[in-house]
């Protein structure tokens, strides 16, 4: 009987060269395997996972251990090989505008851990950048790729890419109904990016999660609302409630912020949700010293989420406080009757508006609670049943 790896090599050889390959001699295949897999070609052991790659100084996220592919046609940017890959990959891709209203071409980066195997389902996490950032900025400061490499999940980082109307540079338009209503605009494009990744990679459809910073958090919340039957859980860092106006953030001093009543926010949410109104577990991270998006915005998000999905805020399931690095924190957990009726809040002390506990970069505060680690801990305990 032929060794399993040799049989796989023969199939791959034919896949590469067709029905008339240059040679199917065992020696040739062993030589090819030796070049491709080193000593593993002889002992038939699975390749070991490579260490997580480090973004290069140029900020393009590539290194000697990663494979960069341009955003060309679908097959070029999503080529999937049947072997287990030996190193992590970062692929830069382009989502092409669809037929729905407000759709646009959008770039995105996909991180694929080294233990990805076609046919073996993995969770998928979508992470959205904030204003004055790109998708590469949030990928760098969140440092989620390292966790994904260790834990085994895919990460997709969409870039707003282009937009119309008045807004700060590279903001997601979380306050514009045309961009956040179900089936149109930016929120529909983000769902389309999920579709595209799921089409070309083996994604566990019961474990699709979304997170964002600032305007990205607002749009992540919009995706959770409009795709509540699809999103297993989410995280909003320095974000706002669904249905708030642009005045929920401190646009200019001394113009005061304004927040809509919780009942109105809930009504807006329900109008855009699927009929089943499936609860989405939500983790909220916010600094009490944030002067760009005051913590009142986060509390309105918590209160509207609880009211919409039937979660009591009168009794906390768990409360903790502590200090990590330069930042103190207070944690609270709220639960309802079902596992999906779940809210966690992390209120942080200083230093301001940004991502906490990651790597140094734009809108990053590394010497604090590691949000990415806590976020993945939250995500991995949630999935959608029945899928």
Protein backbone atom coordinates (compact mmCIF):
# COMPACT_ATOMS: atom_id res chain seq x y z
CA UNK A 1 0.00 0.00 0.00
CA UNK A 2 1.33 3.45 -0.93
CA UNK A 3 2.00 5.83 1.99
CA UNK A 4 -0.87 8.36 2.33
CA UNK A 5 1.42 11.32 1.67
CA UNK A 6 2.72 9.69 -1.53
CA UNK A 7 -0.83 9.09 -2.74
CA UNK A 8 -1.67 12.73 -1.99
CA UNK A 9 1.45 13.82 -3.87
CA UNK A 10 0.43 11.83 -6.94
CA UNK A 11 -3.00 13.50 -6.91
CA UNK A 12 -1.45 16.94 -6.49
CA UNK A 13 1.08 16.21 -9.27
CA UNK A 14 -1.77 15.36 -11.67
CA UNK A 15 -3.73 18.42 -10.49
CA UNK A 16 -0.78 20.65 -11.34
CA UNK A 17 0.24 19.08 -14.66
CA UNK A 18 -2.92 17.40 -16.00
CA UNK A 19 -3.36 13.86 -17.25
CA UNK A 20 0.06 13.85 -18.93
CA UNK A 21 2.44 14.94 -16.19
CA UNK A 22 6.19 15.14 -16.83
CA UNK A 23 6.80 12.11 -14.66
CA UNK A 24 4.91 10.11 -12.10
CA UNK A 25 7.87 8.06 -11.00
CA UNK A 26 8.10 7.57 -7.28
CA UNK A 27 11.63 9.01 -7.17
CA UNK A 28 10.48 12.20 -8.88
CA UNK A 29 7.63 12.64 -6.46
CA UNK A 30 9.91 12.02 -3.50
CA UNK A 31 12.35 14.63 -4.83
CA UNK A 32 9.49 17.08 -5.25
CA UNK A 33 8.23 16.34 -1.74
CA UNK A 34 11.71 16.76 -0.35
CA UNK A 35 11.96 20.22 -1.88
CA UNK A 36 8.46 21.20 -0.75
CA UNK A 37 8.34 19.69 2.71
CA UNK A 38 11.96 19.00 3.67
CA UNK A 39 12.45 16.03 5.98
CA UNK A 40 8.67 15.57 6.35
CA UNK A 41 8.63 13.95 2.89
CA UNK A 42 10.34 10.88 4.33
CA UNK A 43 8.70 10.45 7.73
CA UNK A 44 5.17 11.40 6.54
CA UNK A 45 4.53 13.64 9.56
CA UNK A 46 2.30 16.68 9.22
CA UNK A 47 4.24 19.96 8.95
CA UNK A 48 4.47 21.94 12.17
CA UNK A 49 2.73 25.31 12.38
CA UNK A 50 5.04 28.23 11.73
CA UNK A 51 5.38 31.08 14.18
CA UNK A 52 3.20 34.11 13.61
CA UNK A 53 4.66 36.58 11.08
CA UNK A 54 5.61 40.09 12.05
CA UNK A 55 4.46 43.08 9.96
CA UNK A 56 7.29 44.63 8.02
CA UNK A 57 8.60 48.12 8.63
CA UNK A 58 6.78 49.32 5.53
CA UNK A 59 3.48 48.41 7.19
CA UNK A 60 2.24 46.14 4.41
CA UNK A 61 2.02 43.16 6.73
CA UNK A 62 4.30 40.95 4.65
CA UNK A 63 7.49 39.23 5.69
CA UNK A 64 9.70 36.38 4.61
CA UNK A 65 7.20 34.00 6.21
CA UNK A 66 4.13 35.34 4.45
CA UNK A 67 2.84 35.09 0.93
CA UNK A 68 1.51 38.30 -0.62
CA UNK A 69 -0.92 38.16 -3.52
CA UNK A 70 -2.30 41.14 -5.44
CA UNK A 71 -5.98 41.93 -5.82
CA UNK A 72 -6.54 40.43 -9.26
CA UNK A 73 -9.30 38.05 -10.33
CA UNK A 74 -11.08 35.81 -7.83
CA UNK A 75 -9.05 32.71 -8.66
CA UNK A 76 -5.73 34.52 -8.32
CA UNK A 77 -6.51 36.10 -5.00
CA UNK A 78 -8.28 33.10 -3.50
CA UNK A 79 -6.21 30.19 -4.83
CA UNK A 80 -6.58 27.37 -2.30
CA UNK A 81 -4.16 24.43 -2.38
CA UNK A 82 -5.16 21.07 -0.99
CA UNK A 83 -2.00 20.65 1.10
CA UNK A 84 -1.84 22.10 4.56
CA UNK A 85 0.06 25.37 4.13
CA UNK A 86 3.41 25.69 5.87
CA UNK A 87 3.32 29.39 6.81
CA UNK A 88 0.65 31.99 7.58
CA UNK A 89 -0.56 34.10 4.66
CA UNK A 90 -1.77 37.65 4.26
CA UNK A 91 -3.73 38.20 1.07
CA UNK A 92 -4.72 41.65 -0.20
CA UNK A 93 -8.01 41.34 -2.08
CA UNK A 94 -10.69 43.48 -3.70
CA UNK A 95 -14.43 43.16 -3.30
CA UNK A 96 -16.15 44.32 -6.50
CA UNK A 97 -19.23 46.53 -6.25
CA UNK A 98 -22.51 44.63 -6.31
CA UNK A 99 -25.97 45.54 -7.60
CA UNK A 100 -27.41 46.77 -4.29
CA UNK A 101 -27.76 50.48 -3.61
CA UNK A 102 -24.59 52.22 -2.47
CA UNK A 103 -22.25 49.32 -3.21
CA UNK A 104 -18.62 50.17 -4.03
CA UNK A 105 -15.34 48.41 -4.70
CA UNK A 106 -13.63 47.76 -1.37
CA UNK A 107 -10.20 46.39 -0.54
CA UNK A 108 -9.65 43.95 2.27
CA UNK A 109 -6.85 41.92 3.80
CA UNK A 110 -7.30 38.29 4.77
CA UNK A 111 -5.09 36.54 7.31
CA UNK A 112 -4.89 32.76 6.95
CA UNK A 113 -3.14 30.87 9.78
CA UNK A 114 -0.59 28.20 8.97
CA UNK A 115 -2.81 25.36 10.19
CA UNK A 116 -5.60 26.20 7.74
CA UNK A 117 -6.68 23.18 5.69
CA UNK A 118 -9.20 23.32 2.88
CA UNK A 119 -12.20 21.29 4.03
CA UNK A 120 -11.59 21.85 7.74
CA UNK A 121 -13.86 24.65 8.96
CA UNK A 122 -12.37 27.55 10.90
CA UNK A 123 -13.98 30.52 12.68
CA UNK A 124 -13.83 33.89 10.92
CA UNK A 125 -13.36 37.28 12.59
CA UNK A 126 -14.00 40.56 10.75
CA UNK A 127 -12.24 43.64 12.17
CA UNK A 128 -13.13 47.19 11.07
CA UNK A 129 -10.78 50.17 11.31
CA UNK A 130 -11.67 53.59 12.68
CA UNK A 131 -11.51 57.09 11.18
CA UNK A 132 -8.07 58.30 10.06
CA UNK A 133 -6.97 54.66 9.84
CA UNK A 134 -6.71 51.98 7.19
CA UNK A 135 -7.37 48.28 7.51
CA UNK A 136 -3.61 47.75 7.77
CA UNK A 137 -3.45 50.13 10.74
CA UNK A 138 -6.04 48.20 12.73
CA UNK A 139 -4.41 44.90 11.77
CA UNK A 140 -1.13 46.18 13.17
CA UNK A 141 -2.32 47.65 16.47
CA UNK A 142 -4.85 44.92 17.30
CA UNK A 143 -2.20 42.25 16.65
CA UNK A 144 -5.02 39.75 16.20
CA UNK A 145 -3.07 37.82 13.57
CA UNK A 146 -0.78 36.46 16.26
CA UNK A 147 -3.76 35.19 18.25
CA UNK A 148 -5.33 33.77 15.08
CA UNK A 149 -2.12 31.88 14.33
CA UNK A 150 -2.08 30.42 17.83
CA UNK A 151 -5.80 29.65 18.09
CA UNK A 152 -6.61 28.78 14.48
CA UNK A 153 -9.05 31.23 12.90
CA UNK A 154 -9.26 33.47 9.84
CA UNK A 155 -9.26 37.28 10.11
CA UNK A 156 -10.57 39.68 7.47
CA UNK A 157 -9.83 43.42 7.60
CA UNK A 158 -12.02 45.44 5.19
CA UNK A 159 -11.03 48.96 4.13
CA UNK A 160 -13.74 51.55 3.50
CA UNK A 161 -11.69 52.38 0.35
CA UNK A 162 -13.93 55.12 -1.07
CA UNK A 163 -17.02 57.09 -0.12
CA UNK A 164 -19.11 60.16 -0.87
CA UNK A 165 -20.43 62.90 1.35
CA UNK A 166 -18.98 64.79 4.29
CA UNK A 167 -17.08 62.67 6.78
CA UNK A 168 -13.67 62.48 8.45
CA UNK A 169 -10.99 60.63 6.52
CA UNK A 170 -11.67 56.89 6.11
CA UNK A 171 -14.69 56.84 8.44
CA UNK A 172 -17.35 54.19 8.14
CA UNK A 173 -20.69 56.04 7.94
CA UNK A 174 -22.40 54.45 10.95
CA UNK A 175 -24.72 57.49 11.33
CA UNK A 176 -26.08 57.41 7.76
CA UNK A 177 -29.17 55.21 7.27
CA UNK A 178 -28.24 54.76 3.60
CA UNK A 179 -25.08 52.94 4.72
CA UNK A 180 -26.49 50.96 7.63
CA UNK A 181 -29.90 49.71 6.50
CA UNK A 182 -30.21 46.02 5.72
CA UNK A 183 -29.35 45.18 2.12
CA UNK A 184 -27.66 48.41 1.09
CA UNK A 185 -24.56 50.55 1.42
CA UNK A 186 -21.50 49.76 3.46
CA UNK A 187 -23.15 47.26 5.76
CA UNK A 188 -24.32 45.17 2.80
CA UNK A 189 -20.84 45.32 1.25
CA UNK A 190 -19.36 44.00 4.49
CA UNK A 191 -21.82 41.13 4.40
CA UNK A 192 -20.76 40.58 0.78
CA UNK A 193 -17.12 40.35 1.86
CA UNK A 194 -18.13 37.68 4.35
CA UNK A 195 -19.88 35.86 1.50
CA UNK A 196 -16.77 36.07 -0.65
CA UNK A 197 -14.44 34.72 2.03
CA UNK A 198 -16.88 31.92 2.88
CA UNK A 199 -17.14 31.00 -0.80
CA UNK A 200 -13.41 30.51 -1.23
CA UNK A 201 -12.39 29.22 2.19
CA UNK A 202 -13.76 26.66 4.59
CA UNK A 203 -15.39 28.85 7.22
CA UNK A 204 -17.42 27.61 10.18
CA UNK A 205 -20.64 29.48 9.43
CA UNK A 206 -21.74 29.17 13.06
CA UNK A 207 -18.65 31.06 14.24
CA UNK A 208 -18.49 34.33 12.32
CA UNK A 209 -17.65 37.27 14.59
CA UNK A 210 -17.20 41.01 14.01
CA UNK A 211 -15.34 43.77 15.85
CA UNK A 212 -14.44 47.38 15.24
CA UNK A 213 -12.84 50.52 16.60
CA UNK A 214 -14.67 53.87 16.75
CA UNK A 215 -16.52 54.32 13.43
CA UNK A 216 -15.63 50.69 12.71
CA UNK A 217 -17.33 49.73 15.97
CA UNK A 218 -20.43 51.62 14.88
CA UNK A 219 -20.47 49.74 11.59
CA UNK A 220 -19.75 46.42 13.34
CA UNK A 221 -22.86 47.05 15.46
CA UNK A 222 -24.81 47.76 12.27
CA UNK A 223 -23.68 44.43 10.82
CA UNK A 224 -24.73 42.65 14.02
CA UNK A 225 -28.18 44.24 13.81
CA UNK A 226 -28.83 43.62 10.11
CA UNK A 227 -27.25 40.14 10.11
CA UNK A 228 -28.16 38.98 13.60
CA UNK A 229 -28.91 35.46 12.35
CA UNK A 230 -25.38 35.23 10.88
CA UNK A 231 -23.06 36.93 13.40
CA UNK A 232 -22.16 34.68 16.33
CA UNK A 233 -20.92 37.53 18.53
CA UNK A 234 -19.37 40.97 18.31
CA UNK A 235 -17.17 43.55 20.01
CA UNK A 236 -17.42 47.36 19.92
CA UNK A 237 -14.34 49.33 21.01
CA UNK A 238 -15.06 53.04 21.54
CA UNK A 239 -18.28 52.69 19.55
CA UNK A 240 -21.87 53.89 19.50
CA UNK A 241 -25.38 52.45 19.47
CA UNK A 242 -27.23 51.60 16.27
CA UNK A 243 -29.44 54.51 15.23
CA UNK A 244 -27.48 57.31 16.91
CA UNK A 245 -26.88 60.56 15.04
CA UNK A 246 -23.46 62.02 14.23
CA UNK A 247 -23.83 64.14 17.37
CA UNK A 248 -23.15 61.08 19.51
CA UNK A 249 -19.45 61.89 19.07
CA UNK A 250 -17.60 65.08 19.99
CA UNK A 251 -17.33 66.64 16.54
CA UNK A 252 -16.31 70.13 17.60
CA UNK A 253 -15.79 71.92 20.87
CA UNK A 254 -17.89 73.35 22.45
CA UNK A 255 -20.83 71.73 20.60
CA UNK A 256 -22.31 69.22 23.08
CA UNK A 257 -22.98 65.60 22.23
CA UNK A 258 -26.56 64.37 21.99
CA UNK A 259 -27.96 60.88 22.44
CA UNK A 260 -31.27 59.42 21.40
CA UNK A 261 -33.64 57.76 23.86
CA UNK A 262 -33.10 54.03 24.27
CA UNK A 263 -36.68 53.28 23.21
CA UNK A 264 -36.09 55.07 19.89
CA UNK A 265 -32.83 53.19 19.33
CA UNK A 266 -34.56 49.87 19.95
CA UNK A 267 -37.30 50.75 17.47
CA UNK A 268 -34.66 51.61 14.86
CA UNK A 269 -32.87 48.32 15.51
CA UNK A 270 -36.00 46.22 15.24
CA UNK A 271 -36.95 47.82 11.92
CA UNK A 272 -33.73 46.52 10.34
CA UNK A 273 -33.47 43.12 12.00
CA UNK A 274 -34.62 39.77 10.62
CA UNK A 275 -38.03 38.72 11.91
CA UNK A 276 -36.53 36.17 14.32
CA UNK A 277 -34.66 38.96 16.18
CA UNK A 278 -31.84 36.62 17.15
CA UNK A 279 -29.81 37.96 20.10
CA UNK A 280 -26.13 38.62 19.37
CA UNK A 281 -23.70 38.40 22.32
CA UNK A 282 -21.91 41.74 22.60
CA UNK A 283 -18.69 42.84 24.28
CA UNK A 284 -18.29 46.61 24.78
CA UNK A 285 -14.92 48.23 25.53
CA UNK A 286 -14.75 51.94 26.29
CA UNK A 287 -12.57 54.41 28.15
CA UNK A 288 -14.21 56.56 30.78
CA UNK A 289 -11.75 59.26 29.69
CA UNK A 290 -12.61 59.13 25.98
CA UNK A 291 -13.15 62.72 24.80
CA UNK A 292 -13.95 61.79 21.19
CA UNK A 293 -16.71 59.30 21.88
CA UNK A 294 -17.85 59.89 25.48
CA UNK A 295 -18.69 56.84 27.56
CA UNK A 296 -22.37 57.83 27.46
CA UNK A 297 -22.32 56.45 23.90
CA UNK A 298 -21.18 53.05 25.18
CA UNK A 299 -23.80 53.03 27.93
CA UNK A 300 -26.51 53.82 25.38
CA UNK A 301 -25.24 50.90 23.30
CA UNK A 302 -25.39 48.60 26.32
CA UNK A 303 -28.85 49.77 27.34
CA UNK A 304 -30.37 49.56 23.85
CA UNK A 305 -28.87 46.09 23.29
CA UNK A 306 -30.26 44.87 26.60
CA UNK A 307 -33.70 46.34 25.92
CA UNK A 308 -33.86 44.92 22.40
CA UNK A 309 -32.80 41.40 23.34
CA UNK A 310 -34.46 41.05 26.74
CA UNK A 311 -31.40 41.19 29.00
CA UNK A 312 -31.85 42.57 32.50
CA UNK A 313 -29.29 45.13 33.63
CA UNK A 314 -30.55 45.15 37.22
CA UNK A 315 -28.60 42.07 38.24
CA UNK A 316 -25.03 41.62 37.09
CA UNK A 317 -23.94 38.01 36.64
CA UNK A 318 -20.35 38.96 37.42
CA UNK A 319 -18.43 42.10 38.37
CA UNK A 320 -14.65 42.54 38.63
CA UNK A 321 -12.16 45.38 38.71
CA UNK A 322 -8.42 45.55 38.35
CA UNK A 323 -5.37 47.25 36.90
CA UNK A 324 -3.43 46.27 33.76
CA UNK A 325 -0.39 48.36 32.94
CA UNK A 326 -1.27 52.03 33.10
CA UNK A 327 -5.02 51.48 32.94
CA UNK A 328 -7.52 50.43 35.54
CA UNK A 329 -10.65 48.59 34.42
CA UNK A 330 -14.07 47.51 35.61
CA UNK A 331 -15.76 44.46 34.10
CA UNK A 332 -19.45 43.52 34.22
CA UNK A 333 -21.36 40.63 32.69
CA UNK A 334 -25.11 40.58 32.06
CA UNK A 335 -27.04 37.50 31.02
CA UNK A 336 -30.56 36.60 30.00
CA UNK A 337 -32.35 33.26 29.75
CA UNK A 338 -30.40 31.93 26.76
CA UNK A 339 -26.61 31.78 26.17
CA UNK A 340 -26.96 34.33 23.38
CA UNK A 341 -28.52 36.90 25.71
CA UNK A 342 -25.11 38.06 26.85
CA UNK A 343 -23.45 41.46 27.28
CA UNK A 344 -20.00 42.17 28.70
CA UNK A 345 -18.69 45.66 29.41
CA UNK A 346 -15.13 46.76 30.06
CA UNK A 347 -14.90 50.35 31.31
CA UNK A 348 -11.28 51.50 31.23
CA UNK A 349 -9.51 54.38 32.98
CA UNK A 350 -7.55 56.45 30.47
CA UNK A 351 -5.79 57.29 28.39
CA UNK A 352 -8.42 58.03 25.72
CA UNK A 353 -9.84 57.07 22.35
CA UNK A 354 -8.28 54.01 20.73
CA UNK A 355 -7.46 50.29 20.88
CA UNK A 356 -6.02 48.96 24.11
CA UNK A 357 -3.29 46.42 24.81
CA UNK A 358 -2.02 45.79 21.30
CA UNK A 359 1.02 47.05 19.42
CA UNK A 360 2.24 50.62 19.08
CA UNK A 361 0.57 52.54 16.28
CA UNK A 362 -2.10 55.06 15.36
CA UNK A 363 -4.87 55.20 18.04
CA UNK A 364 -3.18 52.49 20.10
CA UNK A 365 -2.52 52.26 23.84
CA UNK A 366 -0.32 49.17 24.34
CA UNK A 367 0.23 49.50 28.10
CA UNK A 368 -3.27 48.43 29.06
CA UNK A 369 -5.75 45.56 29.09
CA UNK A 370 -5.21 43.40 26.00
CA UNK A 371 -8.53 43.88 24.22
CA UNK A 372 -7.72 41.43 21.42
CA UNK A 373 -7.06 38.60 23.86
CA UNK A 374 -10.21 39.32 25.86
CA UNK A 375 -12.22 39.66 22.67
CA UNK A 376 -11.14 36.27 21.32
CA UNK A 377 -11.86 34.69 24.71
CA UNK A 378 -15.38 36.10 24.40
CA UNK A 379 -15.80 35.07 20.75
CA UNK A 380 -14.67 31.48 21.12
CA UNK A 381 -17.40 30.77 23.66
CA UNK A 382 -20.17 31.77 21.24
CA UNK A 383 -21.60 30.11 18.18
CA UNK A 384 -24.95 29.97 16.42
CA UNK A 385 -26.73 26.71 17.10
CA UNK A 386 -28.39 24.76 14.32
CA UNK A 387 -25.78 25.62 11.66
